[in-house]
PDB file of N, CA and C in Angstrom:
ATOM      1  N   MET A   1      38.963  17.875   6.005  1.00  0.00           N
ATOM      2  CA  MET A   1      38.218  16.690   6.369  1.00  0.00           C
ATOM      3  C   MET A   1      38.512  16.391   7.835  1.00  0.00           C
ATOM      4  N   ALA A   2      37.476  16.119   8.572  1.00  0.00           N
ATOM      5  CA  ALA A   2      37.617  15.784   9.984  1.00  0.00           C
ATOM      6  C   ALA A   2      38.153  14.365  10.132  1.00  0.00           C
ATOM      7  N   ARG A   3      38.887  14.158  11.184  1.00  0.00           N
ATOM      8  CA  ARG A   3      39.405  12.817  11.461  1.00  0.00           C
ATOM      9  C   ARG A   3      38.256  11.905  11.894  1.00  0.00           C
ATOM     10  N   LEU A   4      38.172  10.754  11.288  1.00  0.00           N
ATOM     11  CA  LEU A   4      37.115   9.799  11.603  1.00  0.00           C
ATOM     12  C   LEU A   4      37.675   8.657  12.430  1.00  0.00           C
ATOM     13  N   ASP A   5      36.875   8.103  13.296  1.00  0.00           N
ATOM     14  CA  ASP A   5      37.255   6.934  14.066  1.00  0.00           C
ATOM     15  C   ASP A   5      37.342   5.754  13.099  1.00  0.00           C
ATOM     16  N   SER A   6      38.526   5.177  12.955  1.00  0.00           N
ATOM     17  CA  SER A   6      38.734   4.121  11.961  1.00  0.00           C
ATOM     18  C   SER A   6      37.949   2.855  12.254  1.00  0.00           C
ATOM     19  N   SER A   7      37.447   2.683  13.468  1.00  0.00           N
ATOM     20  CA  SER A   7      36.659   1.492  13.759  1.00  0.00           C
ATOM     21  C   SER A   7      35.304   1.522  13.061  1.00  0.00           C
ATOM     22  N   TYR A   8      34.878   2.699  12.590  1.00  0.00           N
ATOM     23  CA  TYR A   8      33.595   2.826  11.902  1.00  0.00           C
ATOM     24  C   TYR A   8      33.740   2.886  10.384  1.00  0.00           C
ATOM     25  N   LEU A   9      34.948   2.767   9.873  1.00  0.00           N
ATOM     26  CA  LEU A   9      35.151   2.816   8.434  1.00  0.00           C
ATOM     27  C   LEU A   9      34.774   1.483   7.796  1.00  0.00           C
ATOM     28  N   PRO A  10      34.190   1.537   6.599  1.00  0.00           N
ATOM     29  CA  PRO A  10      33.873   0.279   5.919  1.00  0.00           C
ATOM     30  C   PRO A  10      35.153  -0.444   5.521  1.00  0.00           C
ATOM     31  N   ARG A  11      35.124  -1.743   5.574  1.00  0.00           N
ATOM     32  CA  ARG A  11      36.281  -2.576   5.232  1.00  0.00           C
ATOM     33  C   ARG A  11      35.828  -3.695   4.296  1.00  0.00           C
ATOM     34  N   GLU A  12      36.749  -4.101   3.435  1.00  0.00           N
ATOM     35  CA  GLU A  12      36.517  -5.243   2.534  1.00  0.00           C
ATOM     36  C   GLU A  12      35.251  -5.089   1.691  1.00  0.00           C
ATOM     37  N   ASN A  13      34.995  -3.879   1.232  1.00  0.00           N
ATOM     38  CA  ASN A  13      33.862  -3.637   0.342  1.00  0.00           C
ATOM     39  C   ASN A  13      34.163  -4.302  -1.003  1.00  0.00           C
ATOM     40  N   PRO A  14      33.229  -5.058  -1.582  1.00  0.00           N
ATOM     41  CA  PRO A  14      33.504  -5.691  -2.870  1.00  0.00           C
ATOM     42  C   PRO A  14      33.487  -4.665  -4.004  1.00  0.00           C
ATOM     43  N   CYS A  15      34.352  -4.866  -4.966  1.00  0.00           N
ATOM     44  CA  CYS A  15      34.408  -4.004  -6.143  1.00  0.00           C
ATOM     45  C   CYS A  15      33.076  -4.105  -6.893  1.00  0.00           C
ATOM     46  N   ALA A  16      32.559  -2.961  -7.327  1.00  0.00           N
ATOM     47  CA  ALA A  16      31.291  -2.927  -8.052  1.00  0.00           C
ATOM     48  C   ALA A  16      31.422  -3.542  -9.454  1.00  0.00           C
ATOM     49  N   GLN A  17      32.644  -3.698  -9.958  1.00  0.00           N
ATOM     50  CA  GLN A  17      32.855  -4.246 -11.295  1.00  0.00           C
ATOM     51  C   GLN A  17      33.184  -5.745 -11.258  1.00  0.00           C
ATOM     52  N   CYS A  18      34.196  -6.117 -10.454  1.00  0.00           N
ATOM     53  CA  CYS A  18      34.663  -7.513 -10.495  1.00  0.00           C
ATOM     54  C   CYS A  18      34.411  -8.296  -9.206  1.00  0.00           C
ATOM     55  N   GLY A  19      34.014  -7.617  -8.113  1.00  0.00           N
ATOM     56  CA  GLY A  19      33.696  -8.299  -6.868  1.00  0.00           C
ATOM     57  C   GLY A  19      34.872  -8.556  -5.942  1.00  0.00           C
ATOM     58  N   THR A  20      36.076  -8.174  -6.337  1.00  0.00           N
ATOM     59  CA  THR A  20      37.246  -8.347  -5.477  1.00  0.00           C
ATOM     60  C   THR A  20      37.120  -7.466  -4.240  1.00  0.00           C
ATOM     61  N   PRO A  21      37.369  -8.002  -3.045  1.00  0.00           N
ATOM     62  CA  PRO A  21      37.286  -7.170  -1.837  1.00  0.00           C
ATOM     63  C   PRO A  21      38.350  -6.057  -1.844  1.00  0.00           C
ATOM     64  N   ILE A  22      37.941  -4.855  -1.474  1.00  0.00           N
ATOM     65  CA  ILE A  22      38.845  -3.711  -1.384  1.00  0.00           C
ATOM     66  C   ILE A  22      39.019  -3.408   0.102  1.00  0.00           C
ATOM     67  N   SER A  23      40.251  -3.385   0.559  1.00  0.00           N
ATOM     68  CA  SER A  23      40.514  -3.318   1.997  1.00  0.00           C
ATOM     69  C   SER A  23      39.988  -2.057   2.669  1.00  0.00           C
ATOM     70  N   ARG A  24      40.093  -0.908   2.012  1.00  0.00           N
ATOM     71  CA  ARG A  24      39.598   0.340   2.604  1.00  0.00           C
ATOM     72  C   ARG A  24      39.402   1.376   1.510  1.00  0.00           C
ATOM     73  N   PRO A  25      38.574   2.389   1.762  1.00  0.00           N
ATOM     74  CA  PRO A  25      38.365   3.431   0.746  1.00  0.00           C
ATOM     75  C   PRO A  25      39.619   4.292   0.574  1.00  0.00           C
ATOM     76  N   ASP A  26      39.806   4.817  -0.629  1.00  0.00           N
ATOM     77  CA  ASP A  26      40.942   5.704  -0.903  1.00  0.00           C
ATOM     78  C   ASP A  26      40.685   7.127  -0.428  1.00  0.00           C
ATOM     79  N   TRP A  27      39.416   7.512  -0.370  1.00  0.00           N
ATOM     80  CA  TRP A  27      39.072   8.881  -0.001  1.00  0.00           C
ATOM     81  C   TRP A  27      37.756   8.876   0.756  1.00  0.00           C
ATOM     82  N   ILE A  28      37.676   9.714   1.790  1.00  0.00           N
ATOM     83  CA  ILE A  28      36.446   9.847   2.569  1.00  0.00           C
ATOM     84  C   ILE A  28      36.153  11.325   2.711  1.00  0.00           C
ATOM     85  N   GLU A  29      34.918  11.700   2.430  1.00  0.00           N
ATOM     86  CA  GLU A  29      34.499  13.094   2.560  1.00  0.00           C
ATOM     87  C   GLU A  29      33.182  13.132   3.321  1.00  0.00           C
ATOM     88  N   SER A  30      33.150  13.903   4.409  1.00  0.00           N
ATOM     89  CA  SER A  30      31.952  13.993   5.240  1.00  0.00           C
ATOM     90  C   SER A  30      31.352  15.384   5.168  1.00  0.00           C
ATOM     91  N   ASN A  31      30.050  15.432   5.044  1.00  0.00           N
ATOM     92  CA  ASN A  31      29.274  16.664   5.085  1.00  0.00           C
ATOM     93  C   ASN A  31      28.132  16.431   6.060  1.00  0.00           C
ATOM     94  N   ALA A  32      27.350  17.438   6.311  1.00  0.00           N
ATOM     95  CA  ALA A  32      26.214  17.298   7.225  1.00  0.00           C
ATOM     96  C   ALA A  32      25.260  16.225   6.703  1.00  0.00           C
ATOM     97  N   GLY A  33      25.085  15.171   7.467  1.00  0.00           N
ATOM     98  CA  GLY A  33      24.113  14.137   7.123  1.00  0.00           C
ATOM     99  C   GLY A  33      24.555  13.117   6.105  1.00  0.00           C
ATOM    100  N   ARG A  34      25.796  13.177   5.611  1.00  0.00           N
ATOM    101  CA  ARG A  34      26.234  12.196   4.619  1.00  0.00           C
ATOM    102  C   ARG A  34      27.747  12.030   4.626  1.00  0.00           C
ATOM    103  N   THR A  35      28.192  10.853   4.233  1.00  0.00           N
ATOM    104  CA  THR A  35      29.612  10.567   4.087  1.00  0.00           C
ATOM    105  C   THR A  35      29.802   9.857   2.757  1.00  0.00           C
ATOM    106  N   SER A  36      30.765  10.326   1.965  1.00  0.00           N
ATOM    107  CA  SER A  36      31.077   9.721   0.672  1.00  0.00           C
ATOM    108  C   SER A  36      32.389   8.954   0.780  1.00  0.00           C
ATOM    109  N   PHE A  37      32.415   7.774   0.168  1.00  0.00           N
ATOM    110  CA  PHE A  37      33.601   6.927   0.167  1.00  0.00           C
ATOM    111  C   PHE A  37      33.996   6.676  -1.281  1.00  0.00           C
ATOM    112  N   LEU A  38      35.251   6.943  -1.626  1.00  0.00           N
ATOM    113  CA  LEU A  38      35.763   6.660  -2.966  1.00  0.00           C
ATOM    114  C   LEU A  38      36.579   5.375  -2.894  1.00  0.00           C
ATOM    115  N   TRP A  39      36.192   4.405  -3.706  1.00  0.00           N
ATOM    116  CA  TRP A  39      36.841   3.099  -3.726  1.00  0.00           C
ATOM    117  C   TRP A  39      37.582   2.921  -5.041  1.00  0.00           C
ATOM    118  N   TYR A  40      38.754   2.295  -4.983  1.00  0.00           N
ATOM    119  CA  TYR A  40      39.539   2.000  -6.180  1.00  0.00           C
ATOM    120  C   TYR A  40      39.972   0.537  -6.127  1.00  0.00           C
ATOM    121  N   CYS A  41      39.625  -0.218  -7.148  1.00  0.00           N
ATOM    122  CA  CYS A  41      39.991  -1.629  -7.232  1.00  0.00           C
ATOM    123  C   CYS A  41      41.278  -1.764  -8.038  1.00  0.00           C
ATOM    124  N   ARG A  42      42.301  -2.244  -7.390  1.00  0.00           N
ATOM    125  CA  ARG A  42      43.587  -2.433  -8.071  1.00  0.00           C
ATOM    126  C   ARG A  42      43.584  -3.678  -8.960  1.00  0.00           C
ATOM    127  N   ALA A  43      42.631  -4.583  -8.740  1.00  0.00           N
ATOM    128  CA  ALA A  43      42.553  -5.810  -9.550  1.00  0.00           C
ATOM    129  C   ALA A  43      42.066  -5.513 -10.971  1.00  0.00           C
ATOM    130  N   CYS A  44      41.050  -4.625 -11.102  1.00  0.00           N
ATOM    131  CA  CYS A  44      40.486  -4.366 -12.441  1.00  0.00           C
ATOM    132  C   CYS A  44      40.546  -2.883 -12.832  1.00  0.00           C
ATOM    133  N   ASP A  45      41.166  -2.047 -11.982  1.00  0.00           N
ATOM    134  CA  ASP A  45      41.354  -0.622 -12.269  1.00  0.00           C
ATOM    135  C   ASP A  45      40.030   0.144 -12.342  1.00  0.00           C
ATOM    136  N   TYR A  46      39.043  -0.297 -11.569  1.00  0.00           N
ATOM    137  CA  TYR A  46      37.731   0.357 -11.541  1.00  0.00           C
ATOM    138  C   TYR A  46      37.631   1.250 -10.313  1.00  0.00           C
ATOM    139  N   GLN A  47      36.994   2.398 -10.461  1.00  0.00           N
ATOM    140  CA  GLN A  47      36.825   3.351  -9.373  1.00  0.00           C
ATOM    141  C   GLN A  47      35.344   3.670  -9.231  1.00  0.00           C
ATOM    142  N   PHE A  48      34.846   3.710  -7.985  1.00  0.00           N
ATOM    143  CA  PHE A  48      33.441   4.027  -7.771  1.00  0.00           C
ATOM    144  C   PHE A  48      33.260   4.701  -6.419  1.00  0.00           C
ATOM    145  N   GLU A  49      32.108   5.345  -6.249  1.00  0.00           N
ATOM    146  CA  GLU A  49      31.795   6.064  -5.020  1.00  0.00           C
ATOM    147  C   GLU A  49      30.577   5.433  -4.348  1.00  0.00           C
ATOM    148  N   ALA A  50      30.624   5.361  -3.037  1.00  0.00           N
ATOM    149  CA  ALA A  50      29.479   4.916  -2.237  1.00  0.00           C
ATOM    150  C   ALA A  50      29.157   6.042  -1.261  1.00  0.00           C
ATOM    151  N   VAL A  51      27.866   6.308  -1.054  1.00  0.00           N
ATOM    152  CA  VAL A  51      27.446   7.399  -0.185  1.00  0.00           C
ATOM    153  C   VAL A  51      26.556   6.852   0.926  1.00  0.00           C
ATOM    154  N   ALA A  52      26.870   7.223   2.158  1.00  0.00           N
ATOM    155  CA  ALA A  52      26.027   6.895   3.305  1.00  0.00           C
ATOM    156  C   ALA A  52      25.290   8.166   3.704  1.00  0.00           C
ATOM    157  N   ILE A  53      23.955   8.076   3.788  1.00  0.00           N
ATOM    158  CA  ILE A  53      23.127   9.231   4.152  1.00  0.00           C
ATOM    159  C   ILE A  53      22.521   8.959   5.518  1.00  0.00           C
ATOM    160  N   TYR A  54      22.717   9.907   6.424  1.00  0.00           N
ATOM    161  CA  TYR A  54      22.223   9.771   7.787  1.00  0.00           C
ATOM    162  C   TYR A  54      21.051  10.714   7.995  1.00  0.00           C
ATOM    163  N   GLU A  55      19.983  10.189   8.547  1.00  0.00           N
ATOM    164  CA  GLU A  55      18.814  10.999   8.856  1.00  0.00           C
ATOM    165  C   GLU A  55      18.640  11.029  10.362  1.00  0.00           C
ATOM    166  N   GLU A  56      18.166  12.151  10.868  1.00  0.00           N
ATOM    167  CA  GLU A  56      17.872  12.234  12.287  1.00  0.00           C
ATOM    168  C   GLU A  56      16.656  11.380  12.595  1.00  0.00           C
ATOM    169  N   SER A  57      16.723  10.641  13.676  1.00  0.00           N
ATOM    170  CA  SER A  57      15.555   9.849  14.048  1.00  0.00           C
ATOM    171  C   SER A  57      14.703  10.660  15.022  1.00  0.00           C
ATOM    172  N   HIS A  58      13.416  10.594  14.815  1.00  0.00           N
ATOM    173  CA  HIS A  58      12.466  11.296  15.661  1.00  0.00           C
ATOM    174  C   HIS A  58      11.713  10.257  16.493  1.00  0.00           C
ATOM    175  N   PRO A  59      11.575  10.476  17.789  1.00  0.00           N
ATOM    176  CA  PRO A  59      10.919   9.475  18.623  1.00  0.00           C
ATOM    177  C   PRO A  59       9.479   9.184  18.241  1.00  0.00           C
ATOM    178  N   ASP A  60       8.788  10.130  17.572  1.00  0.00           N
ATOM    179  CA  ASP A  60       7.398   9.936  17.200  1.00  0.00           C
ATOM    180  C   ASP A  60       7.221   9.348  15.805  1.00  0.00           C
ATOM    181  N   SER A  61       8.323   9.157  15.060  1.00  0.00           N
ATOM    182  CA  SER A  61       8.180   8.654  13.701  1.00  0.00           C
ATOM    183  C   SER A  61       7.983   7.145  13.703  1.00  0.00           C
ATOM    184  N   LEU A  62       7.275   6.657  12.700  1.00  0.00           N
ATOM    185  CA  LEU A  62       6.994   5.233  12.568  1.00  0.00           C
ATOM    186  C   LEU A  62       8.043   4.573  11.687  1.00  0.00           C
ATOM    187  N   ALA A  63       8.390   3.359  12.010  1.00  0.00           N
ATOM    188  CA  ALA A  63       9.312   2.607  11.176  1.00  0.00           C
ATOM    189  C   ALA A  63       8.561   2.068   9.975  1.00  0.00           C
ATOM    190  N   ALA A  64       9.180   2.103   8.829  1.00  0.00           N
ATOM    191  CA  ALA A  64       8.529   1.608   7.607  1.00  0.00           C
ATOM    192  C   ALA A  64       8.802   0.151   7.398  1.00  0.00           C
TER     193      ALA A  64
END
């Protein structure tokens, strides 16, 4: 896994089960065009994954 600039990491993401803020992801995995974040809530013992998908922007494309 490549080292990521910590200023761009998500912080205080709410737990998908109980809503408690989670300070930082437990695991980060980056591939071409996407980054996966594994979150673990110590309050309710719930674990979930969030995925960020990046698309190349084209100057001629229209915004939806």
